[in-house]
N, C-alpha and C. Protein backbone atom coordinates (compact mmCIF):
# COMPACT_ATOMS: atom_id res chain seq x y z
N MET A 1 14.50 -21.08 16.21
CA MET A 1 13.99 -20.06 15.86
C MET A 1 12.53 -20.06 15.44
N ILE A 2 11.48 -19.34 15.92
CA ILE A 2 10.03 -19.62 15.15
C ILE A 2 9.77 -18.77 14.03
N SER A 3 9.18 -19.83 12.83
CA SER A 3 9.13 -18.40 11.68
C SER A 3 7.60 -18.18 11.00
N HIS A 4 7.08 -16.93 11.22
CA HIS A 4 5.80 -17.07 11.20
C HIS A 4 5.37 -16.55 9.74
N ARG A 5 5.05 -17.47 8.69
CA ARG A 5 4.68 -17.12 7.70
C ARG A 5 3.11 -16.18 7.42
N LEU A 6 3.40 -15.03 6.49
CA LEU A 6 2.04 -14.22 6.29
C LEU A 6 2.01 -13.91 5.07
N VAL A 7 1.05 -13.69 4.32
CA VAL A 7 0.32 -13.99 3.22
C VAL A 7 0.38 -12.13 3.10
N LEU A 8 0.69 -12.00 1.91
CA LEU A 8 0.15 -10.28 1.15
C LEU A 8 -0.48 -10.64 0.40
N ALA A 9 -1.47 -10.03 0.20
CA ALA A 9 -3.15 -10.04 -0.65
C ALA A 9 -2.76 -9.13 -1.35
N THR A 10 -1.61 -9.64 -2.39
CA THR A 10 -1.50 -8.88 -3.67
C THR A 10 -0.56 -10.01 -4.72
N ARG A 11 -1.01 -9.49 -5.88
CA ARG A 11 -0.11 -10.02 -7.00
C ARG A 11 0.61 -8.91 -7.92
N ASN A 12 0.36 -7.41 -6.88
CA ASN A 12 1.55 -6.49 -7.66
C ASN A 12 2.60 -6.68 -7.47
N PRO A 13 3.51 -6.89 -8.32
CA PRO A 13 5.25 -6.95 -7.69
C PRO A 13 5.67 -6.39 -7.17
N GLY A 14 5.37 -4.57 -7.50
CA GLY A 14 5.91 -3.69 -6.90
C GLY A 14 5.46 -3.61 -5.61
N LYS A 15 4.62 -3.80 -5.32
CA LYS A 15 3.49 -3.23 -3.99
C LYS A 15 4.28 -4.85 -2.82
N ILE A 16 4.52 -5.71 -3.52
CA ILE A 16 5.20 -7.44 -2.65
C ILE A 16 6.46 -6.85 -2.43
N VAL A 17 7.86 -6.24 -3.53
CA VAL A 17 9.07 -5.53 -2.95
C VAL A 17 8.93 -4.87 -1.83
N GLU A 18 8.09 -3.47 -2.01
CA GLU A 18 7.89 -2.74 -1.54
C GLU A 18 7.57 -2.85 0.37
N PHE A 19 6.24 -3.34 0.48
CA PHE A 19 6.09 -4.00 1.78
C PHE A 19 7.42 -5.27 2.52
N ARG A 20 7.70 -5.77 1.54
CA ARG A 20 8.72 -6.75 2.07
C ARG A 20 9.93 -6.03 2.62
N ARG A 21 10.58 -4.88 1.55
CA ARG A 21 11.33 -3.86 2.13
C ARG A 21 10.90 -3.15 3.13
N ILE A 22 9.95 -2.67 3.38
CA ILE A 22 9.55 -1.84 4.48
C ILE A 22 9.83 -2.51 6.07
N LEU A 23 8.89 -3.60 5.53
CA LEU A 23 8.75 -4.57 6.94
C LEU A 23 9.85 -5.08 7.35
N ASN A 24 11.01 -5.46 6.76
CA ASN A 24 12.15 -6.15 7.24
C ASN A 24 13.11 -4.27 7.51
N GLU A 25 12.92 -3.53 7.32
CA GLU A 25 13.33 -2.38 8.01
C GLU A 25 12.85 -2.13 9.44
N VAL A 26 11.58 -1.86 9.07
CA VAL A 26 10.76 -1.88 10.51
C VAL A 26 11.51 -3.02 11.64
N SER A 27 11.02 -4.35 11.07
CA SER A 27 11.73 -5.41 11.97
C SER A 27 13.18 -5.11 12.41
N SER A 28 14.17 -4.42 11.38
CA SER A 28 15.16 -4.45 11.95
C SER A 28 15.46 -3.55 13.42
N ASP A 29 14.67 -2.24 13.05
CA ASP A 29 14.80 -1.62 14.09
C ASP A 29 14.01 -1.99 15.26
N LEU A 30 13.00 -2.78 14.83
CA LEU A 30 12.28 -3.09 16.44
C LEU A 30 13.77 -4.36 17.11
N GLY A 31 14.42 -4.81 16.85
CA GLY A 31 15.63 -5.44 17.16
C GLY A 31 15.28 -6.35 18.18
N GLY A 32 15.39 -6.56 19.67
CA GLY A 32 15.28 -7.45 20.28
C GLY A 32 13.88 -7.61 20.46
N GLU A 33 12.47 -7.38 19.98
CA GLU A 33 11.87 -7.58 20.50
C GLU A 33 11.06 -8.71 19.12
N ILE A 34 12.08 -9.28 18.40
CA ILE A 34 11.28 -9.99 17.51
C ILE A 34 12.71 -11.18 17.61
N ALA A 35 13.76 -11.13 18.13
CA ALA A 35 14.85 -11.79 18.07
C ALA A 35 14.53 -12.90 18.46
N ASN A 36 13.11 -13.34 19.10
CA ASN A 36 12.70 -14.77 19.03
C ASN A 36 11.88 -15.68 17.62
N TYR A 37 11.58 -15.04 16.10
CA TYR A 37 11.31 -15.32 15.80
C TYR A 37 11.38 -14.60 14.09
N LYS A 38 10.90 -15.00 13.23
CA LYS A 38 11.12 -14.41 11.79
C LYS A 38 9.85 -14.16 11.22
N ILE A 39 9.80 -13.05 10.20
CA ILE A 39 8.66 -13.16 9.90
C ILE A 39 9.17 -13.55 8.09
N GLU A 40 7.98 -14.39 7.90
CA GLU A 40 8.16 -14.49 6.29
C GLU A 40 6.82 -13.87 5.47
N LEU A 41 7.68 -13.14 4.77
CA LEU A 41 5.84 -12.55 3.98
C LEU A 41 5.93 -13.21 2.54
N VAL A 42 5.30 -13.74 2.40
CA VAL A 42 4.71 -13.93 0.48
C VAL A 42 3.74 -13.63 0.07
N GLY A 43 3.98 -12.76 -1.23
CA GLY A 43 2.60 -12.77 -2.03
C GLY A 43 1.63 -13.81 -2.73
N LEU A 44 0.44 -13.50 -3.14
CA LEU A 44 -0.31 -14.64 -3.97
C LEU A 44 0.19 -14.74 -4.67
N ASP A 45 1.35 -14.55 -5.61
CA ASP A 45 1.87 -15.29 -6.58
C ASP A 45 2.20 -16.74 -6.81
N GLN A 46 2.60 -17.21 -4.93
CA GLN A 46 3.06 -18.41 -4.58
C GLN A 46 1.69 -18.84 -4.17
N PHE A 47 0.14 -18.37 -4.31
CA PHE A 47 -0.84 -19.78 -4.16
C PHE A 47 -1.87 -19.05 -5.56
N SER A 48 -1.48 -19.87 -7.04
CA SER A 48 -1.65 -19.70 -8.08
C SER A 48 -3.10 -20.13 -7.68
N GLU A 49 -3.71 -21.08 -7.37
CA GLU A 49 -5.14 -21.19 -7.02
C GLU A 49 -5.75 -20.83 -6.93
N LEU A 50 -5.37 -19.17 -6.29
CA LEU A 50 -6.82 -18.26 -5.71
C LEU A 50 -7.25 -17.59 -6.77
N GLY A 51 -8.11 -16.91 -6.71
CA GLY A 51 -8.20 -15.52 -7.37
C GLY A 51 -8.19 -14.70 -6.81
N ASP A 52 -8.61 -13.66 -7.56
CA ASP A 52 -8.03 -12.11 -7.07
C ASP A 52 -9.68 -11.71 -6.45
N VAL A 53 -9.33 -10.98 -5.54
CA VAL A 53 -10.60 -10.67 -4.47
C VAL A 53 -11.10 -9.12 -4.69
N GLU A 54 -12.59 -9.37 -4.81
CA GLU A 54 -13.23 -8.29 -5.72
C GLU A 54 -13.42 -7.15 -4.68
N GLU A 55 -13.09 -6.12 -4.49
CA GLU A 55 -13.21 -4.85 -4.39
C GLU A 55 -14.20 -4.09 -3.82
N THR A 56 -15.35 -4.91 -3.06
CA THR A 56 -16.62 -4.21 -3.21
C THR A 56 -16.96 -3.33 -1.98
N GLY A 57 -15.91 -3.10 -1.21
CA GLY A 57 -15.79 -2.29 -0.08
C GLY A 57 -16.03 -0.58 -0.64
N THR A 58 -16.66 0.19 0.61
CA THR A 58 -16.81 1.52 0.11
C THR A 58 -15.50 2.57 0.53
N THR A 59 -14.87 1.87 1.67
CA THR A 59 -13.43 2.48 1.92
C THR A 59 -12.78 2.40 1.92
N PHE A 60 -11.01 2.73 1.88
CA PHE A 60 -9.76 1.87 1.93
C PHE A 60 -9.90 0.86 2.94
N LEU A 61 -10.45 1.24 4.13
CA LEU A 61 -10.28 0.20 5.52
C LEU A 61 -11.28 -1.08 4.91
N GLU A 62 -12.59 -1.01 4.61
CA GLU A 62 -13.31 -1.99 4.31
C GLU A 62 -12.59 -2.93 3.39
N ASN A 63 -11.68 -2.42 2.22
CA ASN A 63 -11.02 -3.11 1.74
C ASN A 63 -10.13 -3.77 1.29
N ALA A 64 -9.22 -3.15 2.30
CA ALA A 64 -8.11 -4.04 3.22
C ALA A 64 -8.27 -5.40 3.63
N LEU A 65 -9.40 -4.80 4.70
CA LEU A 65 -9.77 -5.92 5.49
C LEU A 65 -10.49 -7.12 4.52
N LEU A 66 -11.11 -6.84 3.71
CA LEU A 66 -11.51 -7.85 2.93
C LEU A 66 -11.01 -8.41 2.60
N LYS A 67 -10.02 -8.18 1.73
CA LYS A 67 -8.77 -9.01 0.98
C LYS A 67 -8.00 -9.70 1.89
N ALA A 68 -7.55 -8.94 3.07
CA ALA A 68 -6.67 -10.06 4.04
C ALA A 68 -7.52 -10.74 4.58
N ARG A 69 -9.08 -10.73 5.17
CA ARG A 69 -9.85 -12.09 5.61
C ARG A 69 -9.94 -12.92 4.35
N THR A 70 -10.61 -12.79 3.53
CA THR A 70 -10.72 -14.04 2.62
C THR A 70 -9.26 -14.52 2.06
N VAL A 71 -8.00 -13.88 2.10
CA VAL A 71 -6.77 -14.59 1.69
C VAL A 71 -6.46 -15.44 3.18
N SER A 72 -6.76 -14.75 4.14
CA SER A 72 -6.40 -15.87 5.79
C SER A 72 -7.38 -17.03 5.18
N GLU A 73 -8.73 -16.80 5.10
CA GLU A 73 -9.35 -18.02 4.86
C GLU A 73 -8.88 -18.90 3.91
N GLN A 74 -8.71 -18.38 2.97
CA GLN A 74 -8.16 -19.43 1.76
C GLN A 74 -7.06 -20.32 2.16
N THR A 75 -6.06 -19.51 2.99
CA THR A 75 -4.57 -20.13 2.95
C THR A 75 -4.67 -20.88 4.22
N GLY A 76 -5.25 -20.31 5.28
CA GLY A 76 -5.04 -20.92 6.41
C GLY A 76 -4.17 -20.17 7.20
N LEU A 77 -2.91 -19.10 6.34
CA LEU A 77 -2.27 -18.21 7.03
C LEU A 77 -2.88 -16.60 7.47
N ALA A 78 -1.75 -16.10 8.45
CA ALA A 78 -1.95 -14.94 8.71
C ALA A 78 -2.31 -14.02 7.47
N ALA A 79 -3.35 -12.97 7.07
CA ALA A 79 -2.26 -11.93 5.79
C ALA A 79 -2.40 -10.84 6.25
N ILE A 80 -2.09 -9.97 5.46
CA ILE A 80 -1.69 -8.25 5.24
C ILE A 80 -2.33 -8.25 3.96
N ALA A 81 -3.00 -6.94 4.12
CA ALA A 81 -3.40 -6.56 2.54
C ALA A 81 -3.78 -5.02 2.92
N ASP A 82 -3.37 -4.29 1.73
CA ASP A 82 -3.67 -2.67 2.11
C ASP A 82 -4.80 -3.02 0.96
N ASP A 83 -5.16 -1.23 1.07
CA ASP A 83 -6.16 -0.58 0.45
C ASP A 83 -5.34 0.71 0.12
N SER A 84 -5.23 1.22 -1.24
CA SER A 84 -4.26 2.41 -1.36
C SER A 84 -5.21 3.25 -2.35
N GLY A 85 -4.56 4.98 -2.20
CA GLY A 85 -4.88 5.35 -3.73
C GLY A 85 -4.69 6.67 -3.68
N LEU A 86 -4.98 6.80 -4.59
CA LEU A 86 -4.52 8.53 -5.05
C LEU A 86 -6.05 9.76 -4.79
N CYS A 87 -6.10 10.91 -3.96
CA CYS A 87 -7.59 11.26 -3.92
C CYS A 87 -7.03 12.90 -3.99
N VAL A 88 -7.79 13.10 -5.22
CA VAL A 88 -7.21 14.55 -5.99
C VAL A 88 -8.60 15.25 -5.54
N ASP A 89 -7.67 16.55 -4.77
CA ASP A 89 -8.91 17.47 -3.97
C ASP A 89 -10.25 18.29 -5.55
N ALA A 90 -9.10 18.65 -6.71
CA ALA A 90 -9.81 19.31 -7.61
C ALA A 90 -11.20 17.99 -8.49
N LEU A 91 -10.73 16.96 -8.02
CA LEU A 91 -11.57 15.77 -8.43
C LEU A 91 -12.36 14.93 -7.23
N ASN A 92 -12.45 16.02 -6.87
CA ASN A 92 -13.95 15.72 -4.77
C ASN A 92 -13.07 14.16 -4.57
N GLY A 93 -11.56 14.21 -4.90
CA GLY A 93 -11.31 13.05 -3.80
C GLY A 93 -10.95 11.50 -4.66
N ALA A 94 -11.71 11.71 -5.83
CA ALA A 94 -10.96 10.89 -6.75
C ALA A 94 -9.59 10.77 -7.50
N PRO A 95 -9.25 9.70 -7.96
CA PRO A 95 -9.71 8.55 -7.84
C PRO A 95 -9.87 7.19 -6.42
N GLY A 96 -9.54 7.66 -5.49
CA GLY A 96 -9.94 7.13 -4.38
C GLY A 96 -9.46 5.80 -4.50
N ILE A 97 -10.79 4.77 -4.10
CA ILE A 97 -10.43 3.52 -3.93
C ILE A 97 -10.72 3.04 -5.35
N PHE A 98 -10.96 3.29 -6.30
CA PHE A 98 -10.90 3.16 -7.51
C PHE A 98 -9.68 3.32 -8.13
N SER A 99 -8.48 3.63 -7.65
CA SER A 99 -7.47 4.27 -8.04
C SER A 99 -6.59 2.99 -9.03
N ALA A 100 -6.55 2.41 -8.75
CA ALA A 100 -6.16 0.78 -9.56
C ALA A 100 -6.81 0.68 -11.25
N ARG A 101 -8.03 1.03 -10.76
CA ARG A 101 -8.80 0.73 -12.56
C ARG A 101 -9.68 2.29 -12.62
N TRP A 102 -8.63 2.85 -12.75
CA TRP A 102 -9.50 4.38 -12.68
C TRP A 102 -9.49 4.23 -14.40
N ALA A 103 -8.97 4.24 -15.28
CA ALA A 103 -9.09 4.11 -16.30
C ALA A 103 -10.09 2.75 -17.45
N GLY A 104 -10.25 1.98 -15.84
CA GLY A 104 -11.29 0.91 -16.77
C GLY A 104 -10.49 -0.53 -16.52
N GLU A 105 -9.32 -0.74 -17.09
CA GLU A 105 -8.84 -1.94 -17.21
C GLU A 105 -8.13 -1.93 -15.64
N HIS A 106 -7.68 -3.27 -14.58
CA HIS A 106 -7.47 -3.04 -13.14
C HIS A 106 -5.81 -3.46 -13.64
N GLY A 107 -4.93 -1.95 -12.73
CA GLY A 107 -3.32 -2.18 -12.74
C GLY A 107 -3.24 -1.88 -14.42
N ASN A 108 -3.66 -0.85 -14.80
CA ASN A 108 -3.20 0.04 -16.34
C ASN A 108 -1.93 0.93 -15.76
N ASP A 109 -1.25 1.34 -15.02
CA ASP A 109 -0.61 2.21 -14.62
C ASP A 109 -0.32 3.39 -15.26
N GLY A 110 -0.36 3.07 -16.73
CA GLY A 110 -0.11 4.09 -17.83
C GLY A 110 -1.11 5.13 -18.12
N ALA A 111 -2.15 4.05 -18.18
CA ALA A 111 -3.89 4.52 -18.48
C ALA A 111 -4.32 4.93 -17.64
N ASN A 112 -3.90 4.62 -16.33
CA ASN A 112 -4.21 5.99 -14.92
C ASN A 112 -4.26 7.29 -14.65
N VAL A 113 -2.70 7.10 -15.23
CA VAL A 113 -2.11 8.56 -15.24
C VAL A 113 -2.48 9.37 -16.22
N GLU A 114 -2.82 8.98 -17.42
CA GLU A 114 -2.88 9.52 -18.93
C GLU A 114 -4.26 10.08 -18.37
N LYS A 115 -5.57 9.33 -17.42
CA LYS A 115 -6.80 9.89 -17.23
C LYS A 115 -7.00 11.03 -16.46
N VAL A 116 -5.93 10.72 -15.41
CA VAL A 116 -5.78 11.98 -14.07
C VAL A 116 -5.20 13.29 -14.47
N LEU A 117 -4.32 13.09 -15.33
CA LEU A 117 -3.41 14.50 -16.15
C LEU A 117 -4.55 15.12 -17.43
N SER A 118 -5.49 14.12 -17.50
CA SER A 118 -6.52 14.54 -18.97
C SER A 118 -7.36 15.36 -18.11
N GLN A 119 -7.92 14.75 -16.62
CA GLN A 119 -8.94 15.45 -16.01
C GLN A 119 -8.18 16.70 -15.50
N LEU A 120 -7.44 17.32 -15.48
CA LEU A 120 -6.48 18.00 -14.59
C LEU A 120 -5.82 19.15 -15.61
N GLU A 121 -6.28 18.62 -16.88
CA GLU A 121 -5.32 19.54 -17.98
C GLU A 121 -5.63 21.27 -17.74
N ARG A 122 -6.52 21.51 -16.98
CA ARG A 122 -7.26 23.10 -17.21
C ARG A 122 -6.89 23.66 -15.68
N VAL A 123 -6.49 22.46 -14.31
CA VAL A 123 -6.73 22.80 -13.47
C VAL A 123 -5.25 23.41 -13.07
N ALA A 124 -5.25 24.82 -12.86
CA ALA A 124 -4.49 25.66 -11.69
C ALA A 124 -3.68 24.52 -11.01
N ASP A 125 -2.18 25.13 -11.07
CA ASP A 125 -1.27 24.74 -10.38
C ASP A 125 -1.19 24.50 -8.91
N GLU A 126 -1.46 25.80 -8.64
CA GLU A 126 -1.99 25.86 -7.17
C GLU A 126 -3.16 25.11 -6.77
N GLU A 127 -4.22 24.41 -7.39
CA GLU A 127 -5.41 24.01 -7.31
C GLU A 127 -5.13 22.79 -7.85
N ARG A 128 -3.56 21.88 -7.68
CA ARG A 128 -3.95 20.52 -8.05
C ARG A 128 -2.96 19.61 -7.05
N SER A 129 -3.95 19.78 -5.64
CA SER A 129 -3.68 19.30 -4.48
C SER A 129 -3.67 18.13 -4.66
N ALA A 130 -3.26 17.27 -3.47
CA ALA A 130 -3.64 15.53 -3.86
C ALA A 130 -3.10 15.11 -2.54
N HIS A 131 -3.45 14.21 -2.17
CA HIS A 131 -2.94 12.91 -1.03
C HIS A 131 -3.28 11.41 -1.69
N PHE A 132 -2.34 10.65 -1.11
CA PHE A 132 -2.42 9.21 -1.31
C PHE A 132 -2.47 8.91 0.40
N THR A 133 -3.81 8.15 0.37
CA THR A 133 -3.78 7.24 1.69
C THR A 133 -3.58 6.04 1.17
N CYS A 134 -3.22 5.21 2.51
CA CYS A 134 -3.23 3.63 2.54
C CYS A 134 -3.81 3.17 3.60
N VAL A 135 -4.33 2.17 3.76
CA VAL A 135 -5.11 1.66 4.84
C VAL A 135 -4.47 0.08 4.79
N THR A 136 -3.45 -0.25 5.83
CA THR A 136 -3.05 -1.96 6.22
C THR A 136 -3.65 -2.14 7.00
N ALA A 137 -4.10 -3.42 6.89
CA ALA A 137 -4.76 -4.61 7.66
C ALA A 137 -4.12 -5.61 8.12
N PHE A 138 -4.25 -6.16 9.10
CA PHE A 138 -3.66 -7.88 9.13
C PHE A 138 -4.74 -8.33 9.85
N VAL A 139 -4.91 -9.83 9.59
CA VAL A 139 -5.91 -10.41 9.92
C VAL A 139 -5.78 -11.84 10.35
N ALA A 140 -5.46 -12.60 11.55
CA ALA A 140 -4.86 -13.65 12.16
C ALA A 140 -5.84 -14.90 11.61
N GLN A 141 -5.71 -16.18 11.64
CA GLN A 141 -5.88 -17.08 11.67
C GLN A 141 -7.78 -17.19 12.65
N ASP A 142 -7.45 -16.65 13.66
CA ASP A 142 -8.51 -16.59 14.26
C ASP A 142 -9.46 -15.68 13.82
N GLY A 143 -9.32 -14.85 13.38
CA GLY A 143 -10.13 -13.63 12.76
C GLY A 143 -10.13 -12.48 13.37
N SER A 144 -9.10 -12.21 13.97
CA SER A 144 -9.04 -11.22 14.86
C SER A 144 -8.20 -10.11 13.58
N PHE A 145 -8.22 -8.88 14.31
CA PHE A 145 -7.73 -7.79 13.05
C PHE A 145 -6.84 -6.60 13.60
N LEU A 146 -6.16 -6.18 12.99
CA LEU A 146 -5.32 -4.77 12.95
C LEU A 146 -5.52 -4.24 12.22
N SER A 147 -5.42 -2.78 12.45
CA SER A 147 -5.51 -1.78 10.97
C SER A 147 -4.78 -0.57 11.72
N GLU A 148 -4.03 -0.05 10.55
CA GLU A 148 -3.57 1.51 10.34
C GLU A 148 -3.48 2.18 9.08
N GLU A 149 -3.71 3.32 9.22
CA GLU A 149 -3.79 4.43 8.04
C GLU A 149 -2.53 5.38 8.23
N GLY A 150 -2.17 5.52 6.81
CA GLY A 150 -1.06 6.50 6.83
C GLY A 150 -1.51 7.35 5.37
N ILE A 151 -0.84 8.37 5.13
CA ILE A 151 -1.47 9.55 4.43
C ILE A 151 -0.69 10.36 4.00
N MET A 152 0.32 10.72 2.74
CA MET A 152 1.20 11.49 2.13
C MET A 152 0.52 12.71 1.25
N ARG A 153 0.50 13.73 1.50
CA ARG A 153 0.18 14.63 0.80
C ARG A 153 1.40 15.49 0.08
N GLY A 154 0.31 16.65 -1.16
CA GLY A 154 1.80 16.49 -2.22
C GLY A 154 0.18 17.36 -2.89
N ARG A 155 0.87 17.10 -4.46
CA ARG A 155 0.68 17.65 -5.50
C ARG A 155 0.10 17.38 -7.07
N ILE A 156 -0.46 17.12 -7.86
CA ILE A 156 -0.16 16.63 -9.04
C ILE A 156 0.54 17.55 -10.08
N LEU A 157 1.50 16.73 -10.85
CA LEU A 157 2.19 17.02 -11.79
C LEU A 157 1.64 17.52 -13.31
N ARG A 158 2.36 18.03 -13.68
CA ARG A 158 1.45 18.41 -15.62
C ARG A 158 1.69 17.06 -15.99
N ALA A 159 3.48 16.41 -16.06
CA ALA A 159 3.60 14.97 -16.65
C ALA A 159 4.24 14.53 -16.00
N PRO A 160 4.29 13.30 -16.50
CA PRO A 160 5.33 11.99 -15.63
C PRO A 160 6.95 12.48 -15.75
N VAL A 161 7.14 12.25 -13.94
CA VAL A 161 8.30 12.64 -14.29
C VAL A 161 9.02 11.25 -13.31
N GLY A 162 10.22 10.78 -13.42
CA GLY A 162 10.93 10.08 -12.61
C GLY A 162 10.81 8.40 -13.38
N SER A 163 11.41 7.31 -13.25
CA SER A 163 11.16 5.88 -13.51
C SER A 163 11.26 4.92 -12.03
N ASN A 164 11.04 4.96 -11.11
CA ASN A 164 10.89 4.71 -9.72
C ASN A 164 9.59 4.17 -9.68
N GLY A 165 9.68 3.29 -8.60
CA GLY A 165 7.53 3.29 -7.96
C GLY A 165 7.43 2.46 -8.94
N PHE A 166 5.64 2.57 -9.12
CA PHE A 166 4.72 2.25 -9.87
C PHE A 166 3.49 3.20 -9.39
N GLY A 167 2.35 2.72 -10.41
CA GLY A 167 1.17 3.76 -10.07
C GLY A 167 1.25 5.06 -10.55
N TYR A 168 0.90 5.93 -9.28
CA TYR A 168 0.59 7.05 -9.92
C TYR A 168 1.53 8.02 -9.22
N ASP A 169 2.74 7.12 -9.04
CA ASP A 169 4.31 7.75 -8.73
C ASP A 169 4.85 9.06 -9.69
N PRO A 170 4.57 8.85 -10.75
CA PRO A 170 5.49 9.73 -11.75
C PRO A 170 4.82 11.15 -11.55
N ILE A 171 3.60 11.15 -11.43
CA ILE A 171 3.18 12.10 -11.59
C ILE A 171 2.52 12.86 -9.94
N PHE A 172 3.05 12.50 -8.93
CA PHE A 172 3.15 12.57 -7.16
C PHE A 172 3.76 13.77 -7.64
N GLN A 173 3.95 14.96 -6.47
CA GLN A 173 5.15 15.33 -5.80
C GLN A 173 4.70 15.63 -4.25
N PRO A 174 5.60 15.20 -3.62
CA PRO A 174 5.32 15.25 -2.03
C PRO A 174 5.19 16.68 -1.20
N LEU A 175 4.55 17.44 -0.77
CA LEU A 175 5.01 18.81 0.01
C LEU A 175 6.60 18.81 0.38
N GLY A 176 6.95 19.57 0.15
CA GLY A 176 8.24 20.00 0.80
C GLY A 176 9.59 19.61 -0.18
N SER A 177 9.09 19.00 -1.11
CA SER A 177 10.02 17.92 -2.31
C SER A 177 10.18 19.09 -3.69
N GLY A 178 11.01 18.80 -4.18
CA GLY A 178 11.15 19.13 -5.68
C GLY A 178 11.15 17.90 -7.07
N LEU A 179 10.84 17.07 -6.49
CA LEU A 179 10.46 15.92 -6.72
C LEU A 179 9.25 14.77 -6.97
N SER A 180 9.23 14.06 -7.87
CA SER A 180 8.27 13.49 -7.76
C SER A 180 8.58 12.25 -7.09
N THR A 181 7.45 11.16 -6.94
CA THR A 181 7.71 10.43 -6.06
C THR A 181 8.64 9.20 -6.83
N ALA A 182 7.97 9.19 -8.06
CA ALA A 182 9.19 8.10 -8.84
C ALA A 182 10.55 8.25 -9.32
N GLN A 183 10.70 9.70 -8.34
CA GLN A 183 12.60 10.08 -8.42
C GLN A 183 13.21 9.62 -7.37
N PHE A 184 12.42 9.59 -6.55
CA PHE A 184 12.94 9.30 -4.93
C PHE A 184 13.74 7.50 -4.72
N GLU A 185 14.60 7.52 -4.20
CA GLU A 185 15.02 5.91 -3.88
C GLU A 185 14.40 5.09 -3.06
N ALA A 186 14.30 3.83 -2.91
CA ALA A 186 13.50 3.35 -2.19
C ALA A 186 13.55 3.76 -0.33
N LYS A 187 14.37 3.70 -0.18
CA LYS A 187 14.17 4.15 1.41
C LYS A 187 14.04 5.16 1.81
N ALA A 188 14.43 6.61 0.94
CA ALA A 188 13.73 7.79 0.99
C ALA A 188 12.02 8.29 0.71
N LYS A 189 11.91 7.15 -0.18
CA LYS A 189 10.12 7.50 -0.34
C LYS A 189 9.30 6.37 0.70
N ASP A 190 10.25 5.18 1.04
CA ASP A 190 9.33 4.30 2.20
C ASP A 190 9.50 5.19 3.44
N ALA A 191 10.19 6.25 3.91
CA ALA A 191 10.34 6.81 4.85
C ALA A 191 9.16 7.91 5.22
N ILE A 192 8.44 8.70 3.51
CA ILE A 192 7.73 9.28 3.86
C ILE A 192 6.24 9.08 2.86
N SER A 193 6.15 7.82 2.38
CA SER A 193 5.26 7.33 1.73
C SER A 193 4.13 6.88 2.83
N HIS A 194 2.92 6.82 2.03
CA HIS A 194 1.58 6.43 2.86
C HIS A 194 1.96 5.02 3.13
N ARG A 195 2.21 4.13 2.39
CA ARG A 195 2.19 2.81 2.62
C ARG A 195 3.73 2.90 3.65
N GLY A 196 4.54 3.13 3.77
CA GLY A 196 5.70 3.28 4.77
C GLY A 196 5.02 3.51 6.15
N GLN A 197 4.25 4.76 6.61
CA GLN A 197 3.65 4.92 7.52
C GLN A 197 2.88 3.78 8.19
N SER A 198 1.89 3.89 6.71
CA SER A 198 1.00 2.47 7.45
C SER A 198 1.64 1.32 8.10
N LEU A 199 2.44 0.87 7.34
CA LEU A 199 3.23 -0.52 7.48
C LEU A 199 4.20 -0.37 9.06
N ARG A 200 4.86 1.16 9.02
CA ARG A 200 5.50 0.87 10.24
C ARG A 200 4.66 1.26 11.23
N ALA A 201 3.75 1.98 11.13
CA ALA A 201 2.15 1.85 12.45
C ALA A 201 2.19 0.41 12.77
N ILE A 202 1.94 -0.52 12.05
CA ILE A 202 1.20 -1.50 12.18
C ILE A 202 1.69 -2.95 12.23
N ALA A 203 3.49 -2.71 11.85
CA ALA A 203 4.49 -3.49 12.22
C ALA A 203 4.54 -4.09 13.48
N PRO A 204 5.02 -3.33 14.55
CA PRO A 204 4.74 -3.16 16.17
C PRO A 204 3.74 -3.94 16.62
N ARG A 205 2.79 -3.67 16.34
CA ARG A 205 1.56 -4.12 16.47
C ARG A 205 1.33 -5.67 16.37
N ILE A 206 1.81 -6.40 15.01
CA ILE A 206 2.19 -7.65 14.39
C ILE A 206 2.65 -7.94 15.49
N THR A 207 3.91 -7.75 15.25
CA THR A 207 5.24 -8.20 16.14
C THR A 207 4.48 -8.75 17.90
N ALA A 208 3.45 -7.60 18.22
CA ALA A 208 3.44 -7.95 19.70
C ALA A 208 2.25 -9.34 19.44
N PHE A 209 1.51 -9.22 18.21
CA PHE A 209 0.48 -10.23 18.19
C PHE A 209 1.33 -11.51 18.73
N LEU A 210 2.53 -11.77 17.52
CA LEU A 210 3.27 -12.56 17.22
C LEU A 210 3.69 -13.12 18.45
N ASP A 211 3.91 -12.01 19.53
CA ASP A 211 4.90 -12.43 20.75
C ASP A 211 4.17 -12.94 22.02
N ALA A 212 2.93 -12.59 21.73
CA ALA A 212 1.51 -13.58 22.33
C ALA A 212 1.44 -14.80 22.15
N LEU A 213 1.94 -14.79 20.87
CA LEU A 213 1.44 -16.61 20.75
C LEU A 213 2.53 -17.63 20.98
N GLY A 214 3.75 -16.94 20.99
CA GLY A 214 4.73 -17.50 21.71
C GLY A 214 5.72 -18.16 20.18
């Protein structure tokens, strides 16, 4: 069996676990389409010598491609990256591409959540609509790329609820649900999440690309 090693351009442990879980589920669903090879997904924690990629893009797609291209060039392997964020209508789409560093320090989930809640403190329940966006990009060693987008719509709660997930999950309630995304079990969240949608859309295209390589 041929093994293809792909690098996920992140050191976020929660995101690595989520990507690996979703990709494994999609690969199982594809059955015979991937019978001749195995996809091994590793995170940047396996490449301690590499620095973080500065997200200088102005859109989710630009940042996802920037991270995937940079990591592919640095490692010599095909790479997958995503850029995702929370877009709140009452904040004119913010924090958007700045979601991970909305409170100033990159990756401080608690501070980011507190800032969003404080900004929406006087916003009525019916005006707290929001959505998560995720763009996933795959870049091959030859520079060719694929991308897919996923969107999960919902609203912002008034206080964090639940302990699963990461990021803004405790304050986001998907449409049609009475739970925050931090209250979902992993598989249930994957079935509706922006990241799950994006990765489920791109995974068959990646396997088709790998099939062509033989």
